[in-house]
Amino acid sequence: MTADRAEGLARTARALADGEVTSRALTERTLARIEAAQPVLNAFRRVRTEAALAEADAADRELA
């Protein structure tokens, strides 16, 4: 992992802990990136969108 990527992850974790962003928002952003790249990369055999969003919502409830 590069230093830039580690800093980005640390910044995201701080924003999540500080309530500046939600788990759901991060998950939605990631799902959108997957959807955009999937036709070209075909990197995922199956994307469990509903399950991912449900888990993100549960994480948000725990953080509240």
N, C-alpha and C. Protein backbone atom coordinates (compact mmCIF):
# COMPACT_ATOMS: atom_id res chain seq x y z
N MET A 1 0.84 -1.17 0.00
CA MET A 1 0.00 0.00 0.00
C MET A 1 0.89 1.24 0.00
N THR A 2 0.54 2.17 -0.84
CA THR A 2 1.33 3.40 -0.92
C THR A 2 0.95 4.34 0.22
N ALA A 3 1.84 5.29 0.50
CA ALA A 3 1.57 6.26 1.55
C ALA A 3 0.32 7.08 1.23
N ASP A 4 0.15 7.45 -0.04
CA ASP A 4 -1.03 8.22 -0.44
C ASP A 4 -2.31 7.45 -0.17
N ARG A 5 -2.29 6.18 -0.50
CA ARG A 5 -3.49 5.35 -0.28
C ARG A 5 -3.75 5.19 1.21
N ALA A 6 -2.69 4.98 1.99
CA ALA A 6 -2.85 4.84 3.44
C ALA A 6 -3.41 6.12 4.04
N GLU A 7 -2.93 7.27 3.58
CA GLU A 7 -3.45 8.55 4.07
C GLU A 7 -4.91 8.71 3.70
N GLY A 8 -5.26 8.30 2.49
CA GLY A 8 -6.66 8.37 2.07
C GLY A 8 -7.56 7.51 2.94
N LEU A 9 -7.08 6.32 3.28
CA LEU A 9 -7.85 5.43 4.15
C LEU A 9 -7.98 6.02 5.55
N ALA A 10 -6.89 6.59 6.05
CA ALA A 10 -6.92 7.20 7.38
C ALA A 10 -7.88 8.39 7.39
N ARG A 11 -7.85 9.19 6.35
CA ARG A 11 -8.75 10.34 6.25
C ARG A 11 -10.21 9.88 6.20
N THR A 12 -10.46 8.82 5.45
CA THR A 12 -11.82 8.29 5.35
C THR A 12 -12.29 7.75 6.70
N ALA A 13 -11.41 7.04 7.40
CA ALA A 13 -11.76 6.51 8.72
C ALA A 13 -12.07 7.63 9.70
N ARG A 14 -11.28 8.71 9.65
CA ARG A 14 -11.55 9.86 10.53
C ARG A 14 -12.90 10.50 10.19
N ALA A 15 -13.17 10.66 8.91
CA ALA A 15 -14.44 11.27 8.49
C ALA A 15 -15.62 10.40 8.94
N LEU A 16 -15.46 9.10 8.86
CA LEU A 16 -16.51 8.19 9.30
C LEU A 16 -16.70 8.31 10.81
N ALA A 17 -15.62 8.30 11.56
CA ALA A 17 -15.70 8.40 13.02
C ALA A 17 -16.27 9.74 13.46
N ASP A 18 -15.97 10.80 12.71
CA ASP A 18 -16.44 12.14 13.06
C ASP A 18 -17.86 12.42 12.55
N GLY A 19 -18.45 11.48 11.83
CA GLY A 19 -19.79 11.66 11.32
C GLY A 19 -19.88 12.54 10.09
N GLU A 20 -18.75 12.78 9.44
CA GLU A 20 -18.73 13.61 8.23
C GLU A 20 -19.21 12.82 7.01
N VAL A 21 -19.17 11.51 7.10
CA VAL A 21 -19.60 10.63 6.02
C VAL A 21 -20.20 9.39 6.67
N THR A 22 -21.10 8.73 5.97
CA THR A 22 -21.72 7.51 6.51
C THR A 22 -21.16 6.28 5.81
N SER A 23 -21.33 5.16 6.47
CA SER A 23 -20.95 3.89 5.84
C SER A 23 -21.75 3.67 4.57
N ARG A 24 -23.02 4.04 4.62
CA ARG A 24 -23.86 3.87 3.43
C ARG A 24 -23.34 4.70 2.27
N ALA A 25 -22.96 5.95 2.52
CA ALA A 25 -22.44 6.81 1.45
C ALA A 25 -21.16 6.23 0.86
N LEU A 26 -20.28 5.74 1.72
CA LEU A 26 -19.04 5.13 1.22
C LEU A 26 -19.34 3.88 0.40
N THR A 27 -20.30 3.09 0.86
CA THR A 27 -20.67 1.87 0.14
C THR A 27 -21.31 2.20 -1.19
N GLU A 28 -22.19 3.20 -1.20
CA GLU A 28 -22.81 3.61 -2.46
C GLU A 28 -21.77 4.10 -3.46
N ARG A 29 -20.79 4.85 -2.97
CA ARG A 29 -19.72 5.35 -3.84
C ARG A 29 -18.92 4.18 -4.42
N THR A 30 -18.63 3.20 -3.58
CA THR A 30 -17.87 2.04 -4.04
C THR A 30 -18.68 1.22 -5.05
N LEU A 31 -19.97 1.03 -4.78
CA LEU A 31 -20.82 0.29 -5.71
C LEU A 31 -20.92 1.00 -7.05
N ALA A 32 -20.96 2.32 -7.03
CA ALA A 32 -21.00 3.07 -8.29
C ALA A 32 -19.71 2.88 -9.08
N ARG A 33 -18.58 2.85 -8.39
CA ARG A 33 -17.30 2.62 -9.08
C ARG A 33 -17.26 1.21 -9.66
N ILE A 34 -17.76 0.25 -8.92
CA ILE A 34 -17.80 -1.13 -9.42
C ILE A 34 -18.67 -1.19 -10.67
N GLU A 35 -19.85 -0.58 -10.60
CA GLU A 35 -20.77 -0.61 -11.74
C GLU A 35 -20.15 0.04 -12.98
N ALA A 36 -19.42 1.12 -12.76
CA ALA A 36 -18.80 1.82 -13.90
C ALA A 36 -17.66 1.01 -14.52
N ALA A 37 -16.90 0.31 -13.69
CA ALA A 37 -15.72 -0.41 -14.18
C ALA A 37 -16.03 -1.84 -14.62
N GLN A 38 -17.10 -2.41 -14.12
CA GLN A 38 -17.38 -3.83 -14.38
C GLN A 38 -17.45 -4.20 -15.86
N PRO A 39 -18.09 -3.39 -16.71
CA PRO A 39 -18.16 -3.79 -18.12
C PRO A 39 -16.78 -3.93 -18.78
N VAL A 40 -15.83 -3.16 -18.31
CA VAL A 40 -14.48 -3.20 -18.88
C VAL A 40 -13.61 -4.23 -18.18
N LEU A 41 -13.63 -4.21 -16.85
CA LEU A 41 -12.73 -5.07 -16.08
C LEU A 41 -13.28 -6.47 -15.85
N ASN A 42 -14.59 -6.58 -15.74
CA ASN A 42 -15.22 -7.86 -15.40
C ASN A 42 -14.54 -8.49 -14.19
N ALA A 43 -14.35 -7.66 -13.15
CA ALA A 43 -13.59 -8.08 -11.98
C ALA A 43 -14.45 -8.81 -10.94
N PHE A 44 -15.74 -8.70 -11.05
CA PHE A 44 -16.63 -9.29 -10.05
C PHE A 44 -17.57 -10.29 -10.71
N ARG A 45 -17.65 -11.44 -10.10
CA ARG A 45 -18.58 -12.45 -10.59
C ARG A 45 -19.99 -12.14 -10.14
N ARG A 46 -20.08 -11.63 -8.91
CA ARG A 46 -21.38 -11.29 -8.34
C ARG A 46 -21.20 -10.10 -7.40
N VAL A 47 -22.07 -9.13 -7.50
CA VAL A 47 -22.05 -7.98 -6.60
C VAL A 47 -23.33 -8.04 -5.77
N ARG A 48 -23.16 -8.11 -4.47
CA ARG A 48 -24.30 -8.23 -3.55
C ARG A 48 -24.71 -6.83 -3.06
N THR A 49 -25.29 -6.07 -3.94
CA THR A 49 -25.61 -4.67 -3.67
C THR A 49 -26.50 -4.51 -2.44
N GLU A 50 -27.61 -5.22 -2.41
CA GLU A 50 -28.55 -5.07 -1.29
C GLU A 50 -27.91 -5.48 0.03
N ALA A 51 -27.15 -6.56 0.03
CA ALA A 51 -26.49 -7.01 1.25
C ALA A 51 -25.44 -5.99 1.71
N ALA A 52 -24.70 -5.45 0.76
CA ALA A 52 -23.68 -4.45 1.11
C ALA A 52 -24.32 -3.21 1.73
N LEU A 53 -25.43 -2.77 1.15
CA LEU A 53 -26.12 -1.59 1.69
C LEU A 53 -26.72 -1.88 3.06
N ALA A 54 -27.26 -3.08 3.25
CA ALA A 54 -27.81 -3.45 4.55
C ALA A 54 -26.72 -3.49 5.61
N GLU A 55 -25.56 -4.03 5.26
CA GLU A 55 -24.44 -4.07 6.21
C GLU A 55 -23.94 -2.66 6.52
N ALA A 56 -23.93 -1.80 5.53
CA ALA A 56 -23.52 -0.41 5.75
C ALA A 56 -24.50 0.29 6.69
N ASP A 57 -25.79 0.06 6.47
CA ASP A 57 -26.80 0.66 7.35
C ASP A 57 -26.63 0.16 8.79
N ALA A 58 -26.34 -1.12 8.95
CA ALA A 58 -26.12 -1.68 10.28
C ALA A 58 -24.90 -1.05 10.93
N ALA A 59 -23.85 -0.86 10.16
CA ALA A 59 -22.64 -0.21 10.69
C ALA A 59 -22.94 1.22 11.12
N ASP A 60 -23.74 1.92 10.33
CA ASP A 60 -24.11 3.29 10.69
C ASP A 60 -24.91 3.32 11.99
N ARG A 61 -25.79 2.36 12.17
CA ARG A 61 -26.56 2.30 13.43
C ARG A 61 -25.63 2.07 14.61
N GLU A 62 -24.62 1.24 14.44
CA GLU A 62 -23.67 0.98 15.52
C GLU A 62 -22.83 2.20 15.85
N LEU A 63 -22.51 2.99 14.82
CA LEU A 63 -21.70 4.19 15.04
C LEU A 63 -22.50 5.34 15.65
N ALA A 64 -23.83 5.27 15.52
CA ALA A 64 -24.67 6.38 16.00
C ALA A 64 -24.73 6.42 17.52
